[in-house]
Amino acid sequence: LKLNLSLIMSEESKIDSPTRDLLDRVQEFCMSKDFEGQFDEFAKVHADTFLPAVGMESGAEHQLEFHACFEEYLEHFEGKIKRFIESTGEGTVEDFYEECRIALETLGEFHPKRFFIEALLATTEYPIFFSLMMGEVRKQHPDYKPETGEVVEDEERGHK
């Protein structure tokens, strides 16, 4: 579930301001190795939940377990961001939302800070989450056969 948000953090991603704003702090926090590592770990731990979706036809109904996993994901990561914002003492979640709103209204279409906000918003949408989880399933089980339910483990593929 790697967000790869580090690609967008640069000096030009700062909204012109004499002080460091809350949005900058949240962006830095979300792109930290620790935070991104937690996305990866979440995906690894929950990937097998999505095995039944391999080979699923487009438009097919998703299992309730998929949505429950999505809810757990949202609660965990939105909670981390909320707690981080509160720990800064520099504002509230509402202040952060307001900074995001202003940035989206005032920054150009290709501005790195705008890209960060849009990427962050996208990760809160179920289809994006589902796609990321399916990528993790394919990474962990590249030889999975949905018709038989056979999972080939790394050792069986000759990997150590």
Protein backbone atom coordinates (compact mmCIF):
# COMPACT_ATOMS: atom_id res chain seq x y z
CA LEU A 1 0.00 0.00 0.00
CA LYS A 2 2.92 2.27 -0.56
CA LEU A 3 1.71 5.79 -1.22
CA ASN A 4 5.03 6.89 -2.74
CA LEU A 5 4.27 10.39 -1.60
CA SER A 6 7.98 11.08 -1.18
CA LEU A 7 8.03 11.83 -4.91
CA ILE A 8 6.05 14.99 -4.31
CA MET A 9 7.82 16.47 -1.29
CA SER A 10 10.08 19.28 -2.41
CA GLU A 11 10.79 22.89 -1.63
CA GLU A 12 8.32 23.95 -4.30
CA SER A 13 5.58 21.96 -2.53
CA LYS A 14 5.33 24.62 0.15
CA ILE A 15 2.56 27.19 -0.05
CA ASP A 16 4.29 30.55 0.17
CA SER A 17 4.22 31.35 3.86
CA PRO A 18 6.73 32.83 6.29
CA THR A 19 5.90 30.08 8.78
CA ARG A 20 5.67 26.35 8.41
CA ASP A 21 2.00 25.45 8.10
CA LEU A 22 0.09 22.44 9.35
CA LEU A 23 -0.30 21.04 5.85
CA ASP A 24 3.49 20.92 5.45
CA ARG A 25 3.83 19.09 8.77
CA VAL A 26 1.15 16.53 7.88
CA GLN A 27 2.69 16.00 4.45
CA GLU A 28 6.09 15.34 6.02
CA PHE A 29 4.53 12.97 8.58
CA CYS A 30 2.63 11.00 5.92
CA MET A 31 5.75 10.60 3.82
CA SER A 32 7.95 9.41 6.65
CA LYS A 33 9.44 5.94 6.31
CA ASP A 34 7.64 4.90 9.49
CA PHE A 35 4.20 5.94 8.21
CA GLU A 36 4.73 4.42 4.76
CA GLY A 37 6.09 1.27 6.40
CA GLN A 38 2.86 0.94 8.35
CA PHE A 39 0.90 1.02 5.06
CA ASP A 40 3.09 -1.79 3.74
CA GLU A 41 2.66 -3.81 6.92
CA PHE A 42 -1.11 -3.35 6.90
CA ALA A 43 -1.25 -4.62 3.31
CA LYS A 44 0.93 -7.63 4.09
CA VAL A 45 -1.11 -8.62 7.13
CA HIS A 46 -4.47 -8.26 5.37
CA ALA A 47 -3.65 -9.41 1.83
CA ASP A 48 -5.00 -12.95 2.26
CA THR A 49 -8.42 -11.49 3.06
CA PHE A 50 -8.53 -10.43 -0.60
CA LEU A 51 -7.48 -13.78 -2.15
CA PRO A 52 -11.11 -14.59 -3.06
CA ALA A 53 -11.14 -11.47 -5.26
CA VAL A 54 -8.39 -12.78 -7.57
CA GLY A 55 -10.06 -13.56 -10.88
CA MET A 56 -13.29 -11.87 -9.79
CA GLU A 57 -15.25 -10.40 -12.68
CA SER A 58 -15.43 -6.64 -12.95
CA GLY A 59 -18.59 -5.37 -11.33
CA ALA A 60 -18.99 -8.47 -9.15
CA GLU A 61 -20.22 -7.92 -5.62
CA HIS A 62 -17.44 -7.62 -3.05
CA GLN A 63 -17.39 -9.62 0.13
CA LEU A 64 -18.27 -7.83 3.36
CA GLU A 65 -14.81 -8.71 4.72
CA PHE A 66 -13.23 -6.45 2.09
CA HIS A 67 -15.22 -3.45 3.26
CA ALA A 68 -14.60 -4.30 6.93
CA CYS A 69 -10.86 -4.32 6.18
CA PHE A 70 -11.24 -0.94 4.44
CA GLU A 71 -13.02 0.47 7.50
CA GLU A 72 -10.20 -0.81 9.74
CA TYR A 73 -7.65 0.78 7.41
CA LEU A 74 -9.44 4.15 7.47
CA GLU A 75 -9.84 4.10 11.23
CA HIS A 76 -6.18 3.25 11.76
CA PHE A 77 -4.57 5.71 9.35
CA GLU A 78 -7.01 8.59 9.73
CA GLY A 79 -6.58 8.16 13.49
CA LYS A 80 -2.80 8.36 13.16
CA ILE A 81 -3.05 11.59 11.17
CA LYS A 82 -5.57 13.07 13.63
CA ARG A 83 -3.37 12.20 16.62
CA PHE A 84 -0.34 13.68 14.84
CA ILE A 85 -2.18 16.93 14.14
CA GLU A 86 -3.31 17.17 17.75
CA SER A 87 0.22 16.43 19.00
CA THR A 88 1.71 19.37 17.06
CA GLY A 89 -0.25 21.89 19.07
CA GLU A 90 -0.35 23.96 15.86
CA GLY A 91 -3.99 23.43 14.98
CA THR A 92 -6.92 21.11 14.76
CA VAL A 93 -8.10 18.61 12.17
CA GLU A 94 -10.54 21.30 11.03
CA ASP A 95 -7.60 23.70 10.53
CA PHE A 96 -5.88 21.05 8.42
CA TYR A 97 -9.03 20.57 6.31
CA GLU A 98 -9.24 24.33 5.82
CA GLU A 99 -5.59 24.53 4.69
CA CYS A 100 -6.27 21.68 2.25
CA ARG A 101 -9.38 23.43 0.92
CA ILE A 102 -7.47 26.68 0.38
CA ALA A 103 -4.59 24.85 -1.29
CA LEU A 104 -6.94 23.03 -3.65
CA GLU A 105 -8.64 26.31 -4.55
CA THR A 106 -5.47 28.35 -5.07
CA LEU A 107 -2.67 26.06 -6.25
CA GLY A 108 -2.11 25.15 -9.87
CA GLU A 109 -3.19 21.81 -11.25
CA PHE A 110 0.32 20.33 -11.16
CA HIS A 111 1.56 21.84 -7.89
CA PRO A 112 3.20 19.14 -5.71
CA LYS A 113 1.22 20.13 -2.61
CA ARG A 114 -2.03 19.80 -4.56
CA PHE A 115 -0.87 16.37 -5.73
CA PHE A 116 -0.22 15.34 -2.13
CA ILE A 117 -3.72 16.36 -1.04
CA GLU A 118 -5.33 14.60 -3.98
CA ALA A 119 -3.26 11.45 -3.34
CA LEU A 120 -4.22 11.52 0.33
CA LEU A 121 -7.89 11.90 -0.57
CA ALA A 122 -7.67 9.08 -3.11
CA THR A 123 -6.43 6.67 -0.45
CA THR A 124 -9.70 7.19 1.41
CA GLU A 125 -11.74 5.84 -1.51
CA TYR A 126 -12.66 2.15 -1.47
CA PRO A 127 -11.82 1.44 -5.16
CA ILE A 128 -8.28 2.80 -4.69
CA PHE A 129 -7.84 0.79 -1.48
CA PHE A 130 -9.14 -2.35 -3.19
CA SER A 131 -6.74 -1.88 -6.10
CA LEU A 132 -3.79 -1.42 -3.74
CA MET A 133 -4.76 -4.55 -1.78
CA MET A 134 -5.08 -6.57 -4.98
CA GLY A 135 -1.58 -5.45 -5.92
CA GLU A 136 -0.32 -6.76 -2.59
CA VAL A 137 -2.15 -10.09 -3.13
CA ARG A 138 -0.47 -10.48 -6.54
CA LYS A 139 2.89 -9.58 -5.01
CA GLN A 140 2.55 -12.13 -2.20
CA HIS A 141 0.91 -14.88 -4.29
CA PRO A 142 1.92 -14.45 -7.94
CA ASP A 143 1.09 -18.08 -8.74
CA TYR A 144 -2.31 -18.18 -7.00
CA LYS A 145 -4.90 -20.16 -8.95
CA PRO A 146 -8.41 -18.88 -8.11
CA GLU A 147 -10.12 -21.81 -9.82
CA THR A 148 -8.50 -24.29 -7.41
CA GLY A 149 -7.76 -22.00 -4.48
CA GLU A 150 -4.16 -23.23 -4.59
CA VAL A 151 -1.65 -20.91 -2.97
CA VAL A 152 1.96 -21.57 -3.98
CA GLU A 153 4.29 -20.59 -1.15
CA ASP A 154 7.71 -19.00 -1.76
CA GLU A 155 9.56 -22.20 -0.82
CA GLU A 156 7.61 -24.15 -3.46
CA ARG A 157 8.59 -21.60 -6.13
CA GLY A 158 12.24 -22.06 -5.21
CA HIS A 159 12.62 -18.81 -3.23
CA LYS A 160 14.07 -18.66 0.23
